[in-house]
Protein backbone atom coordinates (compact mmCIF):
# COMPACT_ATOMS: atom_id res chain seq x y z
CA UNK A 1 48.23 -72.97 -33.78
CA UNK A 2 44.98 -74.86 -33.18
CA UNK A 3 43.11 -72.48 -35.44
CA UNK A 4 45.73 -72.81 -38.22
CA UNK A 5 45.49 -76.61 -38.12
CA UNK A 6 41.71 -76.41 -38.26
CA UNK A 7 41.93 -73.94 -41.15
CA UNK A 8 44.28 -76.21 -43.12
CA UNK A 9 41.93 -79.14 -42.54
CA UNK A 10 39.02 -76.97 -43.67
CA UNK A 11 40.83 -75.97 -46.91
CA UNK A 12 41.75 -79.57 -47.74
CA UNK A 13 38.22 -80.85 -47.16
CA UNK A 14 36.84 -77.92 -49.15
CA UNK A 15 38.99 -78.75 -52.18
CA UNK A 16 37.69 -82.33 -52.10
CA UNK A 17 34.08 -81.16 -51.88
CA UNK A 18 34.48 -78.69 -54.76
CA UNK A 19 35.61 -81.45 -57.12
CA UNK A 20 32.22 -83.20 -57.16
CA UNK A 21 29.66 -80.71 -55.82
CA UNK A 22 26.30 -80.07 -57.48
CA UNK A 23 25.86 -76.42 -58.35
CA UNK A 24 22.77 -74.25 -58.79
CA UNK A 25 22.61 -70.98 -60.75
CA UNK A 26 20.66 -68.48 -58.69
CA UNK A 27 19.93 -64.77 -58.46
CA UNK A 28 21.20 -62.56 -55.67
CA UNK A 29 21.38 -59.02 -54.37
CA UNK A 30 24.56 -57.57 -52.91
CA UNK A 31 26.43 -54.30 -52.35
CA UNK A 32 29.75 -53.70 -54.03
CA UNK A 33 31.86 -50.53 -53.84
CA UNK A 34 28.93 -48.62 -52.37
CA UNK A 35 26.49 -49.60 -55.13
CA UNK A 36 23.49 -51.94 -55.25
CA UNK A 37 23.96 -55.00 -57.46
CA UNK A 38 21.59 -57.61 -58.84
CA UNK A 39 23.29 -60.54 -60.49
CA UNK A 40 23.87 -64.24 -60.92
CA UNK A 41 25.25 -66.20 -57.98
CA UNK A 42 26.33 -69.84 -58.16
CA UNK A 43 25.47 -72.10 -55.23
CA UNK A 44 27.59 -73.17 -53.47
CA UNK A 45 30.80 -71.97 -55.17
CA UNK A 46 29.88 -68.29 -54.84
CA UNK A 47 30.91 -67.35 -58.38
CA UNK A 48 29.01 -64.20 -59.34
CA UNK A 49 28.19 -62.10 -62.40
CA UNK A 50 26.77 -58.57 -62.30
CA UNK A 51 23.57 -58.06 -64.30
CA UNK A 52 22.60 -54.57 -63.14
CA UNK A 53 24.28 -51.87 -61.05
CA UNK A 54 22.16 -49.20 -59.36
CA UNK A 55 24.62 -46.36 -58.95
CA UNK A 56 23.94 -44.12 -55.97
CA UNK A 57 21.85 -46.80 -54.22
CA UNK A 58 22.53 -49.54 -51.71
CA UNK A 59 20.66 -52.65 -50.56
CA UNK A 60 19.58 -52.91 -46.94
CA UNK A 61 21.67 -55.47 -45.03
CA UNK A 62 18.75 -57.78 -44.26
CA UNK A 63 16.57 -60.21 -46.21
CA UNK A 64 13.46 -58.27 -45.13
CA UNK A 65 13.78 -55.66 -47.89
CA UNK A 66 13.60 -58.03 -50.85
CA UNK A 67 11.29 -60.83 -51.94
CA UNK A 68 10.69 -63.35 -54.73
CA UNK A 69 7.42 -64.37 -56.38
CA UNK A 70 8.11 -67.97 -57.44
CA UNK A 71 4.97 -68.07 -59.61
CA UNK A 72 5.90 -65.07 -61.75
CA UNK A 73 9.70 -65.26 -61.31
CA UNK A 74 9.73 -61.63 -60.20
CA UNK A 75 12.20 -60.25 -57.64
CA UNK A 76 11.07 -57.08 -55.83
CA UNK A 77 13.48 -55.13 -53.65
CA UNK A 78 13.92 -51.82 -51.86
CA UNK A 79 17.09 -49.74 -52.05
CA UNK A 80 18.09 -46.40 -50.56
CA UNK A 81 20.24 -43.49 -51.73
CA UNK A 82 22.61 -41.14 -49.91
CA UNK A 83 19.62 -39.08 -48.72
CA UNK A 84 18.00 -42.25 -47.28
CA UNK A 85 15.26 -41.99 -49.94
CA UNK A 86 13.73 -45.42 -50.56
CA UNK A 87 12.94 -46.80 -54.03
CA UNK A 88 11.25 -50.01 -55.18
CA UNK A 89 12.61 -52.01 -58.12
CA UNK A 90 11.42 -55.20 -59.80
CA UNK A 91 13.57 -57.63 -61.74
CA UNK A 92 11.93 -60.10 -64.14
CA UNK A 93 14.00 -63.29 -64.27
CA UNK A 94 12.25 -64.44 -67.46
CA UNK A 95 13.11 -61.33 -69.49
CA UNK A 96 16.06 -60.05 -67.36
CA UNK A 97 14.35 -56.63 -67.35
CA UNK A 98 14.74 -54.27 -64.40
CA UNK A 99 12.17 -51.51 -63.77
CA UNK A 100 11.56 -48.96 -61.03
CA UNK A 101 8.08 -48.89 -59.47
CA UNK A 102 7.11 -45.28 -58.56
CA UNK A 103 5.67 -45.95 -55.09
CA UNK A 104 4.38 -43.06 -52.97
CA UNK A 105 5.87 -43.63 -49.48
CA UNK A 106 4.65 -40.29 -48.08
CA UNK A 107 2.01 -41.89 -45.82
CA UNK A 108 4.38 -44.62 -44.65
CA UNK A 109 7.57 -42.82 -43.56
CA UNK A 110 9.29 -46.05 -42.52
CA UNK A 111 9.20 -49.49 -44.16
CA UNK A 112 10.36 -52.55 -42.20
CA UNK A 113 9.61 -55.43 -44.56
CA UNK A 114 8.45 -56.41 -48.04
CA UNK A 115 7.10 -59.90 -48.82
CA UNK A 116 5.46 -61.35 -51.94
CA UNK A 117 2.24 -63.35 -51.55
CA UNK A 118 3.09 -65.30 -54.74
CA UNK A 119 -0.08 -64.03 -56.42
CA UNK A 120 -0.23 -64.27 -60.22
CA UNK A 121 -2.89 -61.57 -60.63
CA UNK A 122 -0.96 -58.54 -59.36
CA UNK A 123 -0.96 -56.63 -56.06
CA UNK A 124 1.19 -59.34 -54.50
CA UNK A 125 3.46 -57.17 -52.33
CA UNK A 126 2.84 -56.97 -48.58
CA UNK A 127 4.66 -54.38 -46.49
CA UNK A 128 5.14 -53.79 -42.79
CA UNK A 129 5.31 -50.04 -42.28
CA UNK A 130 5.29 -47.27 -39.73
CA UNK A 131 2.29 -45.09 -40.47
CA UNK A 132 2.10 -41.30 -40.31
CA UNK A 133 0.41 -41.57 -36.88
CA UNK A 134 3.20 -43.79 -35.49
CA UNK A 135 1.48 -47.19 -35.63
CA UNK A 136 3.03 -50.35 -37.09
CA UNK A 137 0.81 -51.87 -39.75
CA UNK A 138 0.57 -54.34 -42.61
CA UNK A 139 0.09 -52.63 -45.96
CA UNK A 140 -0.46 -53.84 -49.50
CA UNK A 141 0.80 -52.21 -52.67
CA UNK A 142 -2.00 -51.05 -54.98
CA UNK A 143 -0.37 -51.28 -58.39
CA UNK A 144 -3.01 -49.02 -59.97
CA UNK A 145 -2.36 -46.07 -57.64
CA UNK A 146 1.22 -46.98 -56.61
CA UNK A 147 0.30 -46.41 -52.97
CA UNK A 148 0.49 -48.67 -49.92
CA UNK A 149 -2.99 -49.35 -48.57
CA UNK A 150 -3.11 -50.24 -44.87
CA UNK A 151 -4.75 -53.58 -44.05
CA UNK A 152 -4.08 -54.42 -40.39
CA UNK A 153 -2.33 -53.06 -37.30
CA UNK A 154 0.45 -54.98 -35.55
CA UNK A 155 1.04 -55.13 -31.81
CA UNK A 156 4.40 -55.03 -30.07
CA UNK A 157 7.84 -54.72 -31.65
CA UNK A 158 7.90 -56.00 -35.24
CA UNK A 159 10.90 -58.23 -36.04
CA UNK A 160 10.40 -59.93 -39.42
CA UNK A 161 7.86 -61.41 -41.85
CA UNK A 162 7.57 -64.32 -44.30
CA UNK A 163 5.01 -65.93 -46.61
CA UNK A 164 4.16 -69.64 -46.66
CA UNK A 165 2.92 -70.74 -50.06
CA UNK A 166 1.89 -74.18 -48.81
CA UNK A 167 -0.89 -72.70 -46.66
CA UNK A 168 -1.19 -69.38 -48.55
CA UNK A 169 -0.66 -67.43 -45.32
CA UNK A 170 1.38 -64.41 -44.27
CA UNK A 171 3.37 -64.57 -41.00
CA UNK A 172 4.84 -61.82 -38.85
CA UNK A 173 7.27 -62.33 -35.99
CA UNK A 174 6.97 -59.81 -33.16
CA UNK A 175 7.88 -59.35 -29.52
CA UNK A 176 4.80 -58.52 -27.43
CA UNK A 177 5.28 -57.94 -23.70
CA UNK A 178 8.68 -59.72 -23.89
CA UNK A 179 7.13 -62.78 -25.58
CA UNK A 180 8.21 -63.88 -29.08
CA UNK A 181 4.97 -64.11 -31.05
CA UNK A 182 4.26 -65.58 -34.48
CA UNK A 183 1.12 -64.04 -36.00
CA UNK A 184 -0.79 -65.66 -38.86
CA UNK A 185 -2.69 -63.62 -41.47
CA UNK A 186 -4.56 -64.28 -44.68
CA UNK A 187 -2.62 -63.94 -47.92
CA UNK A 188 -3.72 -60.31 -48.34
CA UNK A 189 -2.92 -59.35 -44.74
CA UNK A 190 -6.49 -58.31 -44.00
CA UNK A 191 -7.63 -61.13 -41.73
CA UNK A 192 -5.71 -62.27 -38.64
CA UNK A 193 -6.07 -66.04 -38.37
CA UNK A 194 -4.08 -66.91 -35.27
CA UNK A 195 -1.24 -66.21 -32.85
CA UNK A 196 1.38 -68.60 -31.49
CA UNK A 197 3.43 -67.62 -28.43
CA UNK A 198 6.90 -69.03 -28.94
CA UNK A 199 9.02 -70.24 -26.06
CA UNK A 200 12.46 -71.57 -25.34
CA UNK A 201 12.77 -75.03 -23.79
CA UNK A 202 12.83 -74.75 -20.00
CA UNK A 203 16.45 -75.87 -19.80
CA UNK A 204 17.58 -73.10 -22.13
CA UNK A 205 20.12 -70.75 -20.57
CA UNK A 206 21.31 -68.87 -23.66
CA UNK A 207 22.37 -65.27 -23.29
CA UNK A 208 20.14 -63.82 -26.02
CA UNK A 209 21.21 -60.26 -26.82
CA UNK A 210 18.84 -59.32 -29.67
CA UNK A 211 15.31 -59.60 -30.96
CA UNK A 212 14.69 -62.21 -33.72
CA UNK A 213 15.57 -61.04 -37.23
CA UNK A 214 15.87 -62.23 -40.85
CA UNK A 215 12.96 -64.68 -40.73
CA UNK A 216 12.81 -67.11 -43.68
CA UNK A 217 10.50 -70.01 -44.48
CA UNK A 218 12.23 -72.91 -46.24
CA UNK A 219 9.51 -74.76 -48.11
CA UNK A 220 11.46 -77.99 -48.51
CA UNK A 221 11.75 -78.32 -44.72
CA UNK A 222 8.31 -76.85 -43.99
CA UNK A 223 9.86 -74.75 -41.26
CA UNK A 224 10.89 -71.25 -40.27
CA UNK A 225 14.46 -70.19 -39.62
CA UNK A 226 15.64 -66.90 -38.15
CA UNK A 227 18.58 -65.34 -36.37
CA UNK A 228 19.16 -64.03 -32.86
CA UNK A 229 22.38 -62.90 -31.27
CA UNK A 230 23.83 -65.12 -28.55
CA UNK A 231 26.54 -63.38 -26.52
CA UNK A 232 26.63 -60.78 -29.29
CA UNK A 233 27.16 -63.31 -32.09
CA UNK A 234 24.44 -64.26 -34.63
CA UNK A 235 23.05 -67.76 -34.24
CA UNK A 236 20.47 -69.67 -36.30
CA UNK A 237 17.22 -70.76 -34.68
CA UNK A 238 14.30 -72.83 -35.91
CA UNK A 239 10.88 -73.85 -34.61
CA UNK A 240 9.60 -77.17 -33.36
CA UNK A 241 5.92 -76.86 -32.59
CA UNK A 242 5.95 -73.66 -30.52
CA UNK A 243 9.47 -74.14 -29.17
CA UNK A 244 12.43 -72.06 -30.33
CA UNK A 245 15.37 -74.38 -30.96
CA UNK A 246 18.95 -73.26 -31.54
CA UNK A 247 20.67 -74.81 -34.56
CA UNK A 248 23.89 -76.34 -33.19
CA UNK A 249 26.65 -75.69 -35.70
CA UNK A 250 29.11 -78.32 -34.44
CA UNK A 251 32.81 -78.27 -33.47
CA UNK A 252 34.01 -78.01 -37.10
CA UNK A 253 32.34 -74.61 -37.39
CA UNK A 254 35.41 -72.51 -36.60
CA UNK A 255 34.40 -68.99 -37.65
CA UNK A 256 32.66 -66.33 -35.58
CA UNK A 257 29.99 -64.62 -37.66
CA UNK A 258 29.32 -60.93 -37.23
CA UNK A 259 26.30 -60.55 -39.53
CA UNK A 260 24.02 -63.27 -40.87
CA UNK A 261 22.40 -62.71 -44.23
CA UNK A 262 20.61 -64.76 -46.89
CA UNK A 263 19.35 -68.32 -46.50
CA UNK A 264 18.17 -70.57 -49.33
CA UNK A 265 17.45 -74.28 -49.84
CA UNK A 266 18.47 -76.27 -52.94
CA UNK A 267 15.61 -78.73 -52.39
CA UNK A 268 13.37 -76.34 -54.33
CA UNK A 269 15.43 -77.06 -57.47
CA UNK A 270 16.37 -80.68 -56.72
CA UNK A 271 14.18 -82.84 -54.42
CA UNK A 272 17.12 -85.17 -53.84
CA UNK A 273 19.33 -82.40 -52.49
CA UNK A 274 18.43 -81.51 -48.90
CA UNK A 275 21.05 -78.83 -48.23
CA UNK A 276 20.46 -75.23 -47.29
CA UNK A 277 22.87 -72.30 -47.34
CA UNK A 278 23.52 -69.24 -45.22
CA UNK A 279 25.67 -66.31 -46.32
CA UNK A 280 27.55 -64.60 -43.47
CA UNK A 281 30.25 -62.04 -42.89
CA UNK A 282 33.09 -63.01 -40.57
CA UNK A 283 35.88 -61.41 -38.60
CA UNK A 284 39.01 -63.37 -37.75
CA UNK A 285 42.62 -62.17 -37.74
CA UNK A 286 43.92 -65.44 -39.22
CA UNK A 287 41.42 -65.67 -42.07
CA UNK A 288 41.95 -63.82 -45.36
CA UNK A 289 38.55 -62.68 -46.59
CA UNK A 290 35.34 -61.61 -44.91
CA UNK A 291 32.45 -63.63 -46.38
CA UNK A 292 31.39 -67.27 -46.22
CA UNK A 293 28.60 -69.46 -47.51
CA UNK A 294 27.73 -72.01 -44.81
CA UNK A 295 26.21 -75.33 -45.89
CA UNK A 296 23.79 -77.37 -43.73
CA UNK A 297 22.07 -80.72 -44.21
CA UNK A 298 18.38 -81.55 -43.83
CA UNK A 299 18.82 -81.99 -40.07
CA UNK A 300 20.23 -78.44 -39.81
CA UNK A 301 23.69 -79.89 -39.17
CA UNK A 302 26.60 -77.74 -40.34
CA UNK A 303 28.60 -79.45 -43.12
CA UNK A 304 31.21 -76.99 -44.41
CA UNK A 305 31.78 -73.42 -45.61
CA UNK A 306 32.83 -71.82 -48.88
CA UNK A 307 34.76 -68.53 -49.03
CA UNK A 308 32.82 -66.15 -51.28
CA UNK A 309 33.87 -62.84 -52.83
CA UNK A 310 30.52 -61.07 -52.62
CA UNK A 311 28.09 -61.17 -49.70
CA UNK A 312 24.45 -61.58 -50.80
CA UNK A 313 21.70 -60.00 -48.70
CA UNK A 314 19.29 -62.40 -50.41
CA UNK A 315 19.44 -65.36 -52.81
CA UNK A 316 16.81 -67.19 -54.86
CA UNK A 317 16.91 -70.31 -57.01
CA UNK A 318 14.52 -69.66 -59.88
CA UNK A 319 12.19 -72.16 -61.52
């Protein structure tokens, strides 16, 4: 009964919000009926329109296999087929053209991440890969040879990566000897420029049941966000100096998430709008539907959720 009352309150407040909300056309990747989709996705209403369908392929269920170059308006993403064969595609937002890039992955049997360095002169894609000799390394796509050239080795267990345009630096998040570590590299991944050992506040007693994953840098907040499972349920975390801080969702957050996906900030498109969004899947016997778009304010406080029909693995607001 308590849940039903909360749900009714949620629906009423949602209908009021929808009547005067600012919306942002964006581009997103999602899976639908076993096929990889790239399309338009309206923030925050979740209305979507398919632009391309890659039959026989699916997107990976993490933001680490797709990236956006905000200087060229190019989306690059990896998909896989029924034989687990990986392919790289690029979608040009300016022309709406989609092309496959014939990358030779033979020397890098596993790929863990792809991130754009926002370069305007080509060769902007940075990869984290498992090499043929079993090492984890940073690699860069050579667009002339369509091969991944190794630039630097990584220590420990790789978790996620992100690029910060403000400082023109590439970051990797790893666990080294049970310590969460943020590594800083030059924009091409060749030069390691620093390491920050992250720590939880001393009073923290959370039951963390996963490594960090789905790292994202939100430029408007000048901060990193990522997910970790607490008691088996995904939770958002952010950084304050070198401290890992859990984002407290608040009592009005009534849904248990099972998988956390894309995060994006509207501040990039509108400096006066300080919200950011997180797409999640949910499981609850009293809720019809399985996907939500959570909305947070500039202080990372949960505001409300929108039911959405498709579940993006990544979202970008274009220039």
